Amino acid sequence: MLEGPEEADDYTWYRIRVNEEDGAEGWVASDFITEVQGTTAESQPEESDGTASGTDVTPAAAGEFEVGTTVVTNDENVRLRSEPTTDGDAIDALTEGTELLVTGAPEEGDGYTWLPVETEDGVAGYVVIDYVEKAP
């Protein structure tokens, strides 16, 4: 973490740097991050020039979810959206433990990684990858 915590809009925010080639930086709500032991701002690359505008991916490992994999939601009110963006229509608010079938490769949008899925009833949409895990 580079800065924080900062309180705004009913969230606690931290400025982070994505550990990728471009070193993108941005603010993320504490609800969507987990501290990794031994990782500090000092162990990260030098400060960027400030031209990055937010994070481009979420922490979940996108490679975990292949087409045909069954996943379950790991939180309440997980939004199933019509498009891989927060601007996409909310088709449903899924309860924790809802089973979904992965139908395609993850896509990036609005600072999140979105997973294309289908419900048991055949309703297709996208969920943020951080809110699903492989079914037991």
C-alpha atoms as a PDB file:
ATOM      1  CA  MET A   1       0.000   0.000   0.000  1.00  0.00           C
ATOM      2  CA  LEU A   2       1.248   3.414  -0.895  1.00  0.00           C
ATOM      3  CA  GLU A   3      -1.215   5.572   1.073  1.00  0.00           C
ATOM      4  CA  GLY A   4      -4.203   5.261   3.327  1.00  0.00           C
ATOM      5  CA  PRO A   5      -6.372   4.591   4.976  1.00  0.00           C
ATOM      6  CA  GLU A   6      -8.689   7.345   3.759  1.00  0.00           C
ATOM      7  CA  GLU A   7     -12.401   7.357   4.605  1.00  0.00           C
ATOM      8  CA  ALA A   8     -14.882   8.342   1.860  1.00  0.00           C
ATOM      9  CA  ASP A   9     -18.298   7.250   0.582  1.00  0.00           C
ATOM     10  CA  ASP A  10     -18.747   4.726   3.437  1.00  0.00           C
ATOM     11  CA  TYR A  11     -15.529   2.889   2.458  1.00  0.00           C
ATOM     12  CA  THR A  12     -11.958   2.764   3.698  1.00  0.00           C
ATOM     13  CA  TRP A  13      -9.627   3.430   0.748  1.00  0.00           C
ATOM     14  CA  TYR A  14      -5.953   2.627   0.112  1.00  0.00           C
ATOM     15  CA  ARG A  15      -3.729   3.740  -2.751  1.00  0.00           C
ATOM     16  CA  ILE A  16      -2.001   0.678  -4.188  1.00  0.00           C
ATOM     17  CA  ARG A  17       0.317  -0.261  -7.014  1.00  0.00           C
ATOM     18  CA  VAL A  18      -0.508  -3.266  -9.167  1.00  0.00           C
ATOM     19  CA  ASN A  19       2.414  -5.670  -9.303  1.00  0.00           C
ATOM     20  CA  GLU A  20       2.568  -5.801 -13.079  1.00  0.00           C
ATOM     21  CA  GLU A  21       4.873  -4.515 -15.786  1.00  0.00           C
ATOM     22  CA  ASP A  22       3.233  -1.088 -16.040  1.00  0.00           C
ATOM     23  CA  GLY A  23       2.969  -0.605 -12.254  1.00  0.00           C
ATOM     24  CA  ALA A  24      -0.472   1.029 -12.498  1.00  0.00           C
ATOM     25  CA  GLU A  25      -1.570   2.835  -9.345  1.00  0.00           C
ATOM     26  CA  GLY A  26      -4.998   3.659  -8.003  1.00  0.00           C
ATOM     27  CA  TRP A  27      -7.304   3.704  -5.006  1.00  0.00           C
ATOM     28  CA  VAL A  28      -9.172   0.573  -3.906  1.00  0.00           C
ATOM     29  CA  ALA A  29     -11.716  -0.003  -1.142  1.00  0.00           C
ATOM     30  CA  SER A  30     -10.434  -2.195   1.686  1.00  0.00           C
ATOM     31  CA  ASP A  31     -13.348  -4.600   1.029  1.00  0.00           C
ATOM     32  CA  PHE A  32     -11.586  -5.737  -2.153  1.00  0.00           C
ATOM     33  CA  ILE A  33      -7.985  -6.263  -0.998  1.00  0.00           C
ATOM     34  CA  THR A  34      -6.091  -8.569   1.326  1.00  0.00           C
ATOM     35  CA  GLU A  35      -2.727  -7.737   2.840  1.00  0.00           C
ATOM     36  CA  VAL A  36       0.065 -10.082   1.818  1.00  0.00           C
ATOM     37  CA  GLN A  37       2.647 -10.573   4.554  1.00  0.00           C
ATOM     38  CA  GLY A  38       6.091  -9.265   3.673  1.00  0.00           C
ATOM     39  CA  THR A  39       4.783  -6.868   1.022  1.00  0.00           C
ATOM     40  CA  THR A  40       5.375  -3.211   1.789  1.00  0.00           C
ATOM     41  CA  ALA A  41       5.606  -0.007  -0.196  1.00  0.00           C
ATOM     42  CA  GLU A  42       9.374  -0.202   0.250  1.00  0.00           C
ATOM     43  CA  SER A  43       9.501  -3.593  -1.513  1.00  0.00           C
ATOM     44  CA  GLN A  44       7.631  -2.225  -4.521  1.00  0.00           C
ATOM     45  CA  PRO A  45       9.163  -0.529  -7.593  1.00  0.00           C
ATOM     46  CA  GLU A  46      10.036   3.178  -7.518  1.00  0.00           C
ATOM     47  CA  GLU A  47       7.193   5.710  -7.637  1.00  0.00           C
ATOM     48  CA  SER A  48       5.578   6.105 -11.037  1.00  0.00           C
ATOM     49  CA  ASP A  49       5.271   9.429 -12.804  1.00  0.00           C
ATOM     50  CA  GLY A  50       1.607   9.586 -11.765  1.00  0.00           C
ATOM     51  CA  THR A  51       0.227   9.057 -15.261  1.00  0.00           C
ATOM     52  CA  ALA A  52      -1.498   5.755 -14.418  1.00  0.00           C
ATOM     53  CA  SER A  53      -5.197   6.141 -13.776  1.00  0.00           C
ATOM     54  CA  GLY A  54      -6.404   3.497 -11.360  1.00  0.00           C
ATOM     55  CA  THR A  55      -5.966  -0.243 -11.200  1.00  0.00           C
ATOM     56  CA  ASP A  56      -6.584  -2.372 -14.257  1.00  0.00           C
ATOM     57  CA  VAL A  57      -7.168  -5.765 -12.649  1.00  0.00           C
ATOM     58  CA  THR A  58      -8.531  -7.216  -9.463  1.00  0.00           C
ATOM     59  CA  PRO A  59      -6.533  -9.469  -7.127  1.00  0.00           C
ATOM     60  CA  ALA A  60      -8.185 -12.792  -8.012  1.00  0.00           C
ATOM     61  CA  ALA A  61      -6.203 -15.077 -10.273  1.00  0.00           C
ATOM     62  CA  ALA A  62      -8.134 -15.082 -13.538  1.00  0.00           C
ATOM     63  CA  GLY A  63      -6.470 -18.317 -14.674  1.00  0.00           C
ATOM     64  CA  GLU A  64      -8.327 -20.308 -12.015  1.00  0.00           C
ATOM     65  CA  PHE A  65     -11.588 -20.260 -13.943  1.00  0.00           C
ATOM     66  CA  GLU A  66     -11.660 -22.124 -17.240  1.00  0.00           C
ATOM     67  CA  VAL A  67     -14.697 -22.350 -19.520  1.00  0.00           C
ATOM     68  CA  GLY A  68     -17.009 -25.063 -18.191  1.00  0.00           C
ATOM     69  CA  THR A  69     -15.890 -24.663 -14.571  1.00  0.00           C
ATOM     70  CA  THR A  70     -18.631 -24.434 -11.951  1.00  0.00           C
ATOM     71  CA  VAL A  71     -18.125 -21.586  -9.495  1.00  0.00           C
ATOM     72  CA  VAL A  72     -20.113 -20.371  -6.496  1.00  0.00           C
ATOM     73  CA  THR A  73     -20.632 -16.855  -5.210  1.00  0.00           C
ATOM     74  CA  ASN A  74     -18.734 -16.134  -1.991  1.00  0.00           C
ATOM     75  CA  ASP A  75     -20.749 -13.138  -0.783  1.00  0.00           C
ATOM     76  CA  GLU A  76     -24.333 -11.888  -0.567  1.00  0.00           C
ATOM     77  CA  ASN A  77     -25.905  -9.674  -3.251  1.00  0.00           C
ATOM     78  CA  VAL A  78     -23.291 -10.387  -5.929  1.00  0.00           C
ATOM     79  CA  ARG A  79     -24.449  -8.462  -8.993  1.00  0.00           C
ATOM     80  CA  LEU A  80     -24.949 -10.388 -12.215  1.00  0.00           C
ATOM     81  CA  ARG A  81     -24.594  -7.722 -14.897  1.00  0.00           C
ATOM     82  CA  SER A  82     -25.481  -7.594 -18.588  1.00  0.00           C
ATOM     83  CA  GLU A  83     -22.012  -6.327 -19.586  1.00  0.00           C
ATOM     84  CA  PRO A  84     -18.510  -6.478 -18.038  1.00  0.00           C
ATOM     85  CA  THR A  85     -18.827  -3.000 -16.550  1.00  0.00           C
ATOM     86  CA  THR A  86     -20.424  -1.354 -13.529  1.00  0.00           C
ATOM     87  CA  ASP A  87     -22.611   0.500 -16.049  1.00  0.00           C
ATOM     88  CA  GLY A  88     -24.100  -2.818 -17.251  1.00  0.00           C
ATOM     89  CA  ASP A  89     -27.680  -3.470 -16.168  1.00  0.00           C
ATOM     90  CA  ALA A  90     -27.933  -5.458 -12.935  1.00  0.00           C
ATOM     91  CA  ILE A  91     -29.771  -8.609 -14.014  1.00  0.00           C
ATOM     92  CA  ASP A  92     -29.847 -10.129 -10.527  1.00  0.00           C
ATOM     93  CA  ALA A  93     -28.379  -9.887  -7.015  1.00  0.00           C
ATOM     94  CA  LEU A  94     -27.140 -13.413  -6.271  1.00  0.00           C
ATOM     95  CA  THR A  95     -27.066 -14.956  -2.816  1.00  0.00           C
ATOM     96  CA  GLU A  96     -23.959 -16.522  -1.334  1.00  0.00           C
ATOM     97  CA  GLY A  97     -23.442 -20.070  -2.638  1.00  0.00           C
ATOM     98  CA  THR A  98     -25.211 -19.533  -5.983  1.00  0.00           C
ATOM     99  CA  GLU A  99     -23.753 -21.929  -8.574  1.00  0.00           C
ATOM    100  CA  LEU A 100     -22.677 -20.466 -11.917  1.00  0.00           C
ATOM    101  CA  LEU A 101     -21.124 -21.973 -15.037  1.00  0.00           C
ATOM    102  CA  VAL A 102     -18.126 -20.136 -16.532  1.00  0.00           C
ATOM    103  CA  THR A 103     -18.870 -19.471 -20.219  1.00  0.00           C
ATOM    104  CA  GLY A 104     -15.833 -17.526 -21.403  1.00  0.00           C
ATOM    105  CA  ALA A 105     -12.537 -15.862 -20.615  1.00  0.00           C
ATOM    106  CA  PRO A 106     -12.320 -13.080 -18.002  1.00  0.00           C
ATOM    107  CA  GLU A 107     -12.598  -9.506 -19.292  1.00  0.00           C
ATOM    108  CA  GLU A 108     -11.326  -6.231 -17.848  1.00  0.00           C
ATOM    109  CA  GLY A 109     -13.659  -3.289 -17.258  1.00  0.00           C
ATOM    110  CA  ASP A 110     -13.921  -0.353 -14.860  1.00  0.00           C
ATOM    111  CA  GLY A 111     -10.955  -1.552 -12.812  1.00  0.00           C
ATOM    112  CA  TYR A 112     -12.413  -5.025 -12.267  1.00  0.00           C
ATOM    113  CA  THR A 113     -11.958  -8.440 -13.806  1.00  0.00           C
ATOM    114  CA  TRP A 114     -15.341  -9.764 -14.958  1.00  0.00           C
ATOM    115  CA  LEU A 115     -16.185 -13.418 -15.466  1.00  0.00           C
ATOM    116  CA  PRO A 116     -18.841 -14.373 -18.054  1.00  0.00           C
ATOM    117  CA  VAL A 117     -21.189 -16.878 -16.422  1.00  0.00           C
ATOM    118  CA  GLU A 118     -24.569 -18.540 -16.741  1.00  0.00           C
ATOM    119  CA  THR A 119     -26.986 -19.352 -13.922  1.00  0.00           C
ATOM    120  CA  GLU A 120     -28.613 -22.766 -13.459  1.00  0.00           C
ATOM    121  CA  ASP A 121     -31.697 -21.202 -15.111  1.00  0.00           C
ATOM    122  CA  GLY A 122     -29.680 -20.297 -18.221  1.00  0.00           C
ATOM    123  CA  VAL A 123     -29.423 -16.556 -17.516  1.00  0.00           C
ATOM    124  CA  ALA A 124     -26.135 -15.218 -18.905  1.00  0.00           C
ATOM    125  CA  GLY A 125     -24.183 -12.281 -17.505  1.00  0.00           C
ATOM    126  CA  TYR A 126     -20.982 -11.117 -15.830  1.00  0.00           C
ATOM    127  CA  VAL A 127     -19.806 -11.130 -12.210  1.00  0.00           C
ATOM    128  CA  VAL A 128     -16.694  -9.594 -10.657  1.00  0.00           C
ATOM    129  CA  ILE A 129     -14.216 -12.456 -10.351  1.00  0.00           C
ATOM    130  CA  ASP A 130     -13.431 -11.644  -6.706  1.00  0.00           C
ATOM    131  CA  TYR A 131     -16.952 -12.705  -5.714  1.00  0.00           C
ATOM    132  CA  VAL A 132     -16.725 -16.283  -6.954  1.00  0.00           C
ATOM    133  CA  GLU A 133     -14.624 -19.325  -6.161  1.00  0.00           C
ATOM    134  CA  LYS A 134     -14.425 -22.829  -7.577  1.00  0.00           C
ATOM    135  CA  ALA A 135     -17.305 -25.020  -6.477  1.00  0.00           C
ATOM    136  CA  PRO A 136     -16.342 -27.676  -3.936  1.00  0.00           C
END
